[in-house]
Amino acid sequence: MVGRTYHITPEILGESKQRACLRIVSSAGKFAVLYFLLELLWHGTGPFSVISSLVGSIVTGILFAVTFYFLFLRPNMHYDLIVSDDSILAIYQFAERSVRKGEVSTVREYQGNVSSFAGLRVSRFGRVGMFFRGFVWVPKSMPEYDSLKGLAESWKMNP
C-alpha cells in the first residue's frame, strides 16, 4: 500500500440533505438556547425583553448554524486521505493532519451521531491532546476501512 490516495466527499461520509438539515437544526437549537440564557443574564427580564430575547435568539441561532455549516463543516467534508507504508496524511481545505508509523498514540473508533460521522480517529497525542491538537479521520464508510484500522493499530506506540 504505497502512496494510495482516497478522495473523501460528503457522499462517501454519508451526508444527505436530511442529515445536513438535522445538523443545522441541532446546532441552531444549541446556539439559540445559549444565546437566550446569556441575553437574559446580561439584560435581565421585563415584559417584552423575554419575548424579544427569545425571537432574537432563534433568528441568531438559525443564522449562525447555517453560516457555520456552509463555511466550516461542509468544506471539511472534502479532503484527501493519503496512506503510505509509513504515514497517513489528511489534507483538508485549510489544514493538514498526519500521523507516522511509530508515533501513533491513540486509535479510537467512533460510532457517530448527529454532529459527526462514524470512523476512526488516529492521533499521535493522547485523548486530551487529540481533542485539542487534532487527529486523522478515517471514515467507516470507506471500503478499505478494516485494513486501514489494522494498519493504524499496528503503528501504535507501546506504553
N, C-alpha and C. Protein backbone atom coordinates (compact mmCIF):
# COMPACT_ATOMS: atom_id res chain seq x y z
N MET A 1 0.84 -1.17 0.00
CA MET A 1 0.00 0.00 0.00
C MET A 1 0.89 1.24 0.00
N VAL A 2 1.51 1.53 -1.10
CA VAL A 2 2.44 2.64 -1.20
C VAL A 2 1.74 3.83 -1.83
N GLY A 3 1.58 4.93 -1.08
CA GLY A 3 1.06 6.17 -1.60
C GLY A 3 -0.33 6.11 -2.17
N ARG A 4 -1.22 5.39 -1.56
CA ARG A 4 -2.59 5.30 -2.05
C ARG A 4 -3.39 6.53 -1.59
N THR A 5 -4.11 7.17 -2.52
CA THR A 5 -4.88 8.38 -2.22
C THR A 5 -6.37 8.08 -2.32
N TYR A 6 -7.09 8.50 -1.30
CA TYR A 6 -8.55 8.36 -1.26
C TYR A 6 -9.14 9.77 -1.25
N HIS A 7 -10.06 10.03 -2.14
CA HIS A 7 -10.74 11.32 -2.19
C HIS A 7 -12.05 11.19 -1.41
N ILE A 8 -12.10 11.84 -0.26
CA ILE A 8 -13.27 11.75 0.61
C ILE A 8 -14.22 12.88 0.26
N THR A 9 -15.49 12.53 0.06
CA THR A 9 -16.53 13.50 -0.28
C THR A 9 -17.69 13.35 0.71
N PRO A 10 -18.59 14.31 0.75
CA PRO A 10 -19.75 14.17 1.64
C PRO A 10 -20.58 12.92 1.36
N GLU A 11 -20.63 12.51 0.11
CA GLU A 11 -21.40 11.31 -0.23
C GLU A 11 -20.78 10.06 0.37
N ILE A 12 -19.45 9.98 0.37
CA ILE A 12 -18.76 8.83 0.98
C ILE A 12 -19.00 8.83 2.49
N LEU A 13 -19.03 10.02 3.09
CA LEU A 13 -19.25 10.12 4.52
C LEU A 13 -20.68 9.79 4.93
N GLY A 14 -21.60 9.86 3.98
CA GLY A 14 -23.00 9.58 4.29
C GLY A 14 -23.82 10.83 4.52
N GLU A 15 -23.32 11.97 4.06
CA GLU A 15 -24.05 13.22 4.22
C GLU A 15 -25.19 13.28 3.21
N SER A 16 -26.37 13.61 3.67
CA SER A 16 -27.54 13.77 2.82
C SER A 16 -28.20 15.10 3.18
N LYS A 17 -29.20 15.50 2.40
CA LYS A 17 -29.90 16.75 2.70
C LYS A 17 -30.61 16.66 4.05
N GLN A 18 -31.17 15.49 4.34
CA GLN A 18 -31.87 15.33 5.62
C GLN A 18 -30.89 15.44 6.79
N ARG A 19 -29.74 14.81 6.66
CA ARG A 19 -28.74 14.87 7.73
C ARG A 19 -28.18 16.28 7.88
N ALA A 20 -27.97 16.97 6.77
CA ALA A 20 -27.49 18.35 6.83
C ALA A 20 -28.51 19.24 7.54
N CYS A 21 -29.78 19.08 7.21
CA CYS A 21 -30.84 19.86 7.88
C CYS A 21 -30.89 19.54 9.36
N LEU A 22 -30.75 18.27 9.71
CA LEU A 22 -30.75 17.87 11.11
C LEU A 22 -29.56 18.47 11.86
N ARG A 23 -28.41 18.50 11.22
CA ARG A 23 -27.22 19.12 11.83
C ARG A 23 -27.43 20.61 12.04
N ILE A 24 -28.01 21.28 11.05
CA ILE A 24 -28.25 22.72 11.16
C ILE A 24 -29.27 23.01 12.25
N VAL A 25 -30.35 22.25 12.30
CA VAL A 25 -31.38 22.47 13.32
C VAL A 25 -30.82 22.19 14.72
N SER A 26 -30.03 21.14 14.85
CA SER A 26 -29.42 20.81 16.14
C SER A 26 -28.48 21.92 16.60
N SER A 27 -27.64 22.39 15.71
CA SER A 27 -26.71 23.48 16.05
C SER A 27 -27.47 24.76 16.35
N ALA A 28 -28.51 25.05 15.58
CA ALA A 28 -29.29 26.27 15.80
C ALA A 28 -29.96 26.23 17.17
N GLY A 29 -30.50 25.08 17.54
CA GLY A 29 -31.15 24.96 18.84
C GLY A 29 -30.17 25.16 19.98
N LYS A 30 -29.01 24.55 19.89
CA LYS A 30 -28.00 24.68 20.95
C LYS A 30 -27.53 26.13 21.08
N PHE A 31 -27.25 26.76 19.95
CA PHE A 31 -26.77 28.13 19.99
C PHE A 31 -27.87 29.08 20.47
N ALA A 32 -29.11 28.86 20.04
CA ALA A 32 -30.22 29.73 20.45
C ALA A 32 -30.45 29.66 21.96
N VAL A 33 -30.38 28.47 22.54
CA VAL A 33 -30.56 28.33 23.99
C VAL A 33 -29.43 29.06 24.72
N LEU A 34 -28.21 28.85 24.29
CA LEU A 34 -27.07 29.51 24.92
C LEU A 34 -27.18 31.03 24.79
N TYR A 35 -27.51 31.51 23.61
CA TYR A 35 -27.65 32.94 23.38
C TYR A 35 -28.78 33.53 24.22
N PHE A 36 -29.90 32.81 24.31
CA PHE A 36 -31.04 33.27 25.10
C PHE A 36 -30.69 33.39 26.58
N LEU A 37 -30.01 32.38 27.11
CA LEU A 37 -29.62 32.42 28.53
C LEU A 37 -28.63 33.55 28.81
N LEU A 38 -27.68 33.74 27.93
CA LEU A 38 -26.74 34.85 28.10
C LEU A 38 -27.44 36.19 27.98
N GLU A 39 -28.38 36.29 27.09
CA GLU A 39 -29.15 37.53 26.91
C GLU A 39 -29.95 37.85 28.17
N LEU A 40 -30.57 36.85 28.77
CA LEU A 40 -31.34 37.07 30.00
C LEU A 40 -30.43 37.47 31.16
N LEU A 41 -29.29 36.82 31.26
CA LEU A 41 -28.37 37.17 32.34
C LEU A 41 -27.79 38.57 32.15
N TRP A 42 -27.54 38.94 30.92
CA TRP A 42 -26.90 40.22 30.66
C TRP A 42 -27.88 41.40 30.78
N HIS A 43 -29.07 41.23 30.19
CA HIS A 43 -30.01 42.35 30.13
C HIS A 43 -31.14 42.26 31.16
N GLY A 44 -31.29 41.13 31.79
CA GLY A 44 -32.38 40.99 32.76
C GLY A 44 -33.69 40.69 32.08
N THR A 45 -34.77 40.74 32.85
CA THR A 45 -36.09 40.40 32.31
C THR A 45 -37.03 41.57 32.44
N GLY A 46 -37.98 41.60 31.59
CA GLY A 46 -39.04 42.60 31.58
C GLY A 46 -40.19 42.04 30.78
N PRO A 47 -41.30 42.72 30.69
CA PRO A 47 -42.45 42.14 29.98
C PRO A 47 -42.17 41.86 28.50
N PHE A 48 -41.39 42.70 27.85
CA PHE A 48 -41.13 42.49 26.44
C PHE A 48 -39.74 41.92 26.17
N SER A 49 -38.87 42.02 27.14
CA SER A 49 -37.48 41.59 26.90
C SER A 49 -37.37 40.08 26.74
N VAL A 50 -38.19 39.30 27.43
CA VAL A 50 -38.11 37.84 27.30
C VAL A 50 -38.54 37.41 25.91
N ILE A 51 -39.64 37.97 25.43
CA ILE A 51 -40.13 37.59 24.10
C ILE A 51 -39.16 38.06 23.02
N SER A 52 -38.69 39.29 23.12
CA SER A 52 -37.75 39.78 22.11
C SER A 52 -36.43 39.01 22.17
N SER A 53 -35.99 38.64 23.38
CA SER A 53 -34.77 37.84 23.50
C SER A 53 -34.95 36.47 22.89
N LEU A 54 -36.11 35.87 23.11
CA LEU A 54 -36.38 34.54 22.55
C LEU A 54 -36.40 34.58 21.03
N VAL A 55 -37.11 35.54 20.47
CA VAL A 55 -37.18 35.66 19.00
C VAL A 55 -35.79 35.97 18.43
N GLY A 56 -35.09 36.89 19.04
CA GLY A 56 -33.74 37.22 18.58
C GLY A 56 -32.79 36.04 18.68
N SER A 57 -32.92 35.26 19.73
CA SER A 57 -32.06 34.08 19.91
C SER A 57 -32.33 33.03 18.84
N ILE A 58 -33.59 32.82 18.52
CA ILE A 58 -33.94 31.83 17.49
C ILE A 58 -33.39 32.26 16.13
N VAL A 59 -33.61 33.52 15.78
CA VAL A 59 -33.12 34.02 14.49
C VAL A 59 -31.59 33.97 14.44
N THR A 60 -30.94 34.40 15.51
CA THR A 60 -29.47 34.38 15.56
C THR A 60 -28.95 32.95 15.50
N GLY A 61 -29.62 32.03 16.19
CA GLY A 61 -29.20 30.62 16.17
C GLY A 61 -29.28 30.02 14.78
N ILE A 62 -30.35 30.31 14.08
CA ILE A 62 -30.51 29.78 12.72
C ILE A 62 -29.44 30.37 11.79
N LEU A 63 -29.24 31.68 11.86
CA LEU A 63 -28.23 32.32 11.00
C LEU A 63 -26.83 31.78 11.30
N PHE A 64 -26.51 31.64 12.59
CA PHE A 64 -25.21 31.11 12.97
C PHE A 64 -25.02 29.68 12.46
N ALA A 65 -26.02 28.82 12.65
CA ALA A 65 -25.90 27.42 12.27
C ALA A 65 -25.73 27.25 10.76
N VAL A 66 -26.51 27.97 9.99
CA VAL A 66 -26.40 27.88 8.52
C VAL A 66 -25.03 28.37 8.05
N THR A 67 -24.60 29.51 8.59
CA THR A 67 -23.30 30.05 8.22
C THR A 67 -22.17 29.11 8.61
N PHE A 68 -22.23 28.59 9.83
CA PHE A 68 -21.19 27.68 10.31
C PHE A 68 -21.13 26.41 9.47
N TYR A 69 -22.28 25.88 9.09
CA TYR A 69 -22.32 24.65 8.29
C TYR A 69 -21.65 24.87 6.93
N PHE A 70 -22.04 25.94 6.24
CA PHE A 70 -21.54 26.13 4.88
C PHE A 70 -20.12 26.70 4.82
N LEU A 71 -19.67 27.41 5.86
CA LEU A 71 -18.32 27.95 5.84
C LEU A 71 -17.27 27.01 6.44
N PHE A 72 -17.66 26.19 7.43
CA PHE A 72 -16.67 25.38 8.14
C PHE A 72 -16.90 23.88 8.02
N LEU A 73 -18.12 23.42 8.23
CA LEU A 73 -18.35 21.97 8.22
C LEU A 73 -18.34 21.38 6.82
N ARG A 74 -19.11 21.94 5.93
CA ARG A 74 -19.21 21.40 4.57
C ARG A 74 -17.86 21.35 3.84
N PRO A 75 -17.05 22.42 3.87
CA PRO A 75 -15.74 22.34 3.19
C PRO A 75 -14.83 21.26 3.75
N ASN A 76 -14.93 20.95 5.04
CA ASN A 76 -14.08 19.92 5.63
C ASN A 76 -14.56 18.50 5.32
N MET A 77 -15.66 18.37 4.61
CA MET A 77 -16.12 17.05 4.18
C MET A 77 -15.47 16.65 2.86
N HIS A 78 -14.74 17.54 2.25
CA HIS A 78 -13.97 17.26 1.04
C HIS A 78 -12.50 17.26 1.43
N TYR A 79 -11.88 16.10 1.41
CA TYR A 79 -10.45 16.05 1.71
C TYR A 79 -9.83 14.82 1.09
N ASP A 80 -8.51 14.82 1.05
CA ASP A 80 -7.76 13.68 0.52
C ASP A 80 -7.10 12.96 1.69
N LEU A 81 -7.21 11.65 1.66
CA LEU A 81 -6.56 10.81 2.66
C LEU A 81 -5.48 10.02 1.92
N ILE A 82 -4.22 10.28 2.27
CA ILE A 82 -3.09 9.64 1.61
C ILE A 82 -2.46 8.65 2.57
N VAL A 83 -2.43 7.39 2.17
CA VAL A 83 -1.90 6.33 3.02
C VAL A 83 -0.67 5.74 2.35
N SER A 84 0.45 5.75 3.08
CA SER A 84 1.68 5.14 2.58
C SER A 84 2.14 4.09 3.58
N ASP A 85 3.30 3.52 3.34
CA ASP A 85 3.83 2.48 4.23
C ASP A 85 4.22 3.01 5.60
N ASP A 86 4.47 4.33 5.70
CA ASP A 86 4.92 4.86 6.98
C ASP A 86 4.14 6.06 7.49
N SER A 87 3.05 6.46 6.81
CA SER A 87 2.26 7.59 7.32
C SER A 87 0.85 7.58 6.75
N ILE A 88 -0.03 8.27 7.47
CA ILE A 88 -1.39 8.56 7.00
C ILE A 88 -1.53 10.07 7.06
N LEU A 89 -1.91 10.67 5.94
CA LEU A 89 -1.98 12.11 5.82
C LEU A 89 -3.38 12.50 5.34
N ALA A 90 -4.00 13.46 6.02
CA ALA A 90 -5.29 14.01 5.61
C ALA A 90 -5.07 15.46 5.22
N ILE A 91 -5.45 15.81 4.00
CA ILE A 91 -5.29 17.17 3.51
C ILE A 91 -6.67 17.78 3.32
N TYR A 92 -7.00 18.72 4.22
CA TYR A 92 -8.27 19.42 4.18
C TYR A 92 -8.08 20.73 3.42
N GLN A 93 -9.17 21.48 3.27
CA GLN A 93 -9.09 22.74 2.54
C GLN A 93 -8.18 23.74 3.24
N PHE A 94 -8.26 23.81 4.58
CA PHE A 94 -7.48 24.81 5.32
C PHE A 94 -6.47 24.20 6.27
N ALA A 95 -6.35 22.89 6.32
CA ALA A 95 -5.45 22.27 7.30
C ALA A 95 -4.91 20.96 6.76
N GLU A 96 -3.92 20.45 7.46
CA GLU A 96 -3.30 19.18 7.11
C GLU A 96 -2.98 18.45 8.40
N ARG A 97 -3.34 17.18 8.47
CA ARG A 97 -3.05 16.36 9.65
C ARG A 97 -2.33 15.10 9.18
N SER A 98 -1.35 14.66 9.99
CA SER A 98 -0.65 13.44 9.62
C SER A 98 -0.23 12.69 10.87
N VAL A 99 -0.09 11.38 10.71
CA VAL A 99 0.50 10.52 11.74
C VAL A 99 1.48 9.59 11.04
N ARG A 100 2.57 9.31 11.72
CA ARG A 100 3.60 8.44 11.16
C ARG A 100 3.68 7.14 11.94
N LYS A 101 4.21 6.16 11.28
CA LYS A 101 4.42 4.86 11.90
C LYS A 101 5.30 5.03 13.14
N GLY A 102 4.88 4.45 14.25
CA GLY A 102 5.64 4.53 15.48
C GLY A 102 5.30 5.74 16.34
N GLU A 103 4.55 6.71 15.79
CA GLU A 103 4.15 7.90 16.55
C GLU A 103 2.70 7.84 17.01
N VAL A 104 1.97 6.84 16.57
CA VAL A 104 0.54 6.75 16.89
C VAL A 104 0.37 6.44 18.37
N SER A 105 -0.32 7.32 19.06
CA SER A 105 -0.57 7.15 20.48
C SER A 105 -2.00 6.70 20.74
N THR A 106 -2.95 7.23 19.97
CA THR A 106 -4.37 6.94 20.19
C THR A 106 -5.02 6.51 18.89
N VAL A 107 -5.70 5.37 18.94
CA VAL A 107 -6.53 4.90 17.84
C VAL A 107 -7.89 4.64 18.46
N ARG A 108 -8.86 5.44 18.06
CA ARG A 108 -10.17 5.35 18.70
C ARG A 108 -11.26 5.27 17.64
N GLU A 109 -12.10 4.25 17.76
CA GLU A 109 -13.22 4.10 16.83
C GLU A 109 -14.41 4.87 17.37
N TYR A 110 -15.05 5.64 16.51
CA TYR A 110 -16.16 6.49 16.90
C TYR A 110 -17.40 6.02 16.15
N GLN A 111 -18.50 5.84 16.87
CA GLN A 111 -19.72 5.30 16.26
C GLN A 111 -20.51 6.33 15.47
N GLY A 112 -20.33 7.60 15.77
CA GLY A 112 -21.02 8.65 15.04
C GLY A 112 -22.33 9.04 15.71
N ASN A 113 -22.79 10.24 15.40
CA ASN A 113 -24.07 10.76 15.88
C ASN A 113 -24.53 11.85 14.92
N VAL A 114 -25.43 12.71 15.37
CA VAL A 114 -25.95 13.76 14.50
C VAL A 114 -24.85 14.70 14.02
N SER A 115 -23.91 15.02 14.91
CA SER A 115 -22.91 16.02 14.56
C SER A 115 -21.60 15.45 14.03
N SER A 116 -21.45 14.14 13.99
CA SER A 116 -20.21 13.56 13.50
C SER A 116 -20.47 12.20 12.86
N PHE A 117 -19.60 11.82 11.94
CA PHE A 117 -19.75 10.56 11.22
C PHE A 117 -18.98 9.45 11.92
N ALA A 118 -19.37 8.23 11.64
CA ALA A 118 -18.67 7.07 12.19
C ALA A 118 -17.32 6.93 11.50
N GLY A 119 -16.32 6.53 12.28
CA GLY A 119 -15.00 6.37 11.70
C GLY A 119 -13.94 6.15 12.76
N LEU A 120 -12.71 6.31 12.33
CA LEU A 120 -11.55 6.05 13.17
C LEU A 120 -10.77 7.34 13.37
N ARG A 121 -10.46 7.65 14.63
CA ARG A 121 -9.63 8.80 14.96
C ARG A 121 -8.23 8.29 15.29
N VAL A 122 -7.26 8.73 14.53
CA VAL A 122 -5.87 8.30 14.72
C VAL A 122 -5.05 9.55 15.05
N SER A 123 -4.33 9.49 16.19
CA SER A 123 -3.58 10.67 16.62
C SER A 123 -2.26 10.26 17.25
N ARG A 124 -1.31 11.18 17.21
CA ARG A 124 -0.04 10.95 17.89
C ARG A 124 -0.09 11.48 19.31
N PHE A 125 -1.22 12.05 19.70
CA PHE A 125 -1.42 12.59 21.04
C PHE A 125 -2.36 11.67 21.82
N GLY A 126 -2.42 11.85 23.13
CA GLY A 126 -3.37 11.10 23.95
C GLY A 126 -4.79 11.60 23.71
N ARG A 127 -5.73 11.13 24.54
CA ARG A 127 -7.13 11.51 24.34
C ARG A 127 -7.36 13.01 24.48
N VAL A 128 -6.75 13.63 25.48
CA VAL A 128 -6.92 15.07 25.67
C VAL A 128 -6.21 15.83 24.56
N GLY A 129 -5.01 15.42 24.22
CA GLY A 129 -4.27 16.06 23.13
C GLY A 129 -4.97 15.89 21.80
N MET A 130 -5.63 14.76 21.62
CA MET A 130 -6.37 14.52 20.38
C MET A 130 -7.52 15.52 20.26
N PHE A 131 -8.17 15.83 21.38
CA PHE A 131 -9.27 16.80 21.37
C PHE A 131 -8.75 18.20 21.00
N PHE A 132 -7.63 18.61 21.60
CA PHE A 132 -7.13 19.96 21.39
C PHE A 132 -6.23 20.11 20.16
N ARG A 133 -5.48 19.08 19.81
CA ARG A 133 -4.48 19.22 18.74
C ARG A 133 -4.85 18.51 17.46
N GLY A 134 -5.91 17.71 17.48
CA GLY A 134 -6.40 17.12 16.25
C GLY A 134 -6.01 15.67 16.02
N PHE A 135 -6.54 15.11 14.95
CA PHE A 135 -6.35 13.72 14.61
C PHE A 135 -6.62 13.54 13.12
N VAL A 136 -6.24 12.38 12.61
CA VAL A 136 -6.57 12.00 11.24
C VAL A 136 -7.86 11.20 11.30
N TRP A 137 -8.81 11.58 10.47
CA TRP A 137 -10.12 10.95 10.46
C TRP A 137 -10.21 9.98 9.29
N VAL A 138 -10.49 8.71 9.61
CA VAL A 138 -10.69 7.68 8.58
C VAL A 138 -12.16 7.29 8.62
N PRO A 139 -12.95 7.63 7.60
CA PRO A 139 -14.39 7.33 7.63
C PRO A 139 -14.66 5.83 7.59
N LYS A 140 -15.64 5.40 8.35
CA LYS A 140 -16.00 3.99 8.41
C LYS A 140 -16.65 3.50 7.11
N SER A 141 -17.18 4.41 6.34
CA SER A 141 -17.86 4.04 5.11
C SER A 141 -16.90 3.72 3.95
N MET A 142 -15.60 3.88 4.19
CA MET A 142 -14.62 3.54 3.15
C MET A 142 -14.55 2.02 2.98
N PRO A 143 -14.41 1.53 1.76
CA PRO A 143 -14.29 0.08 1.55
C PRO A 143 -13.06 -0.53 2.23
N GLU A 144 -11.97 0.21 2.33
CA GLU A 144 -10.72 -0.29 2.91
C GLU A 144 -10.60 0.04 4.39
N TYR A 145 -11.71 0.35 5.05
CA TYR A 145 -11.69 0.80 6.45
C TYR A 145 -11.01 -0.23 7.37
N ASP A 146 -11.38 -1.49 7.25
CA ASP A 146 -10.82 -2.51 8.16
C ASP A 146 -9.31 -2.65 8.01
N SER A 147 -8.81 -2.60 6.78
CA SER A 147 -7.37 -2.72 6.59
C SER A 147 -6.64 -1.48 7.11
N LEU A 148 -7.24 -0.28 6.93
CA LEU A 148 -6.63 0.94 7.46
C LEU A 148 -6.67 0.96 8.99
N LYS A 149 -7.72 0.42 9.56
CA LYS A 149 -7.82 0.33 11.02
C LYS A 149 -6.71 -0.59 11.55
N GLY A 150 -6.53 -1.75 10.92
CA GLY A 150 -5.47 -2.67 11.32
C GLY A 150 -4.10 -2.05 11.17
N LEU A 151 -3.90 -1.30 10.09
CA LEU A 151 -2.63 -0.64 9.86
C LEU A 151 -2.34 0.39 10.96
N ALA A 152 -3.33 1.21 11.28
CA ALA A 152 -3.15 2.23 12.32
C ALA A 152 -2.90 1.60 13.68
N GLU A 153 -3.60 0.53 14.00
CA GLU A 153 -3.40 -0.14 15.28
C GLU A 153 -2.02 -0.80 15.36
N SER A 154 -1.52 -1.26 14.23
CA SER A 154 -0.18 -1.87 14.24
C SER A 154 0.92 -0.83 14.42
N TRP A 155 0.63 0.44 14.12
CA TRP A 155 1.59 1.52 14.29
C TRP A 155 1.60 2.10 15.69
N LYS A 156 0.66 1.67 16.52
CA LYS A 156 0.52 2.25 17.85
C LYS A 156 1.78 2.03 18.68
N MET A 157 2.20 3.10 19.39
CA MET A 157 3.38 3.00 20.25
C MET A 157 3.07 2.13 21.46
N ASN A 158 4.07 1.42 21.93
CA ASN A 158 3.90 0.64 23.16
C ASN A 158 3.98 1.58 24.35
N PRO A 159 3.07 1.40 25.35
CA PRO A 159 3.09 2.30 26.51
C PRO A 159 4.31 2.10 27.39
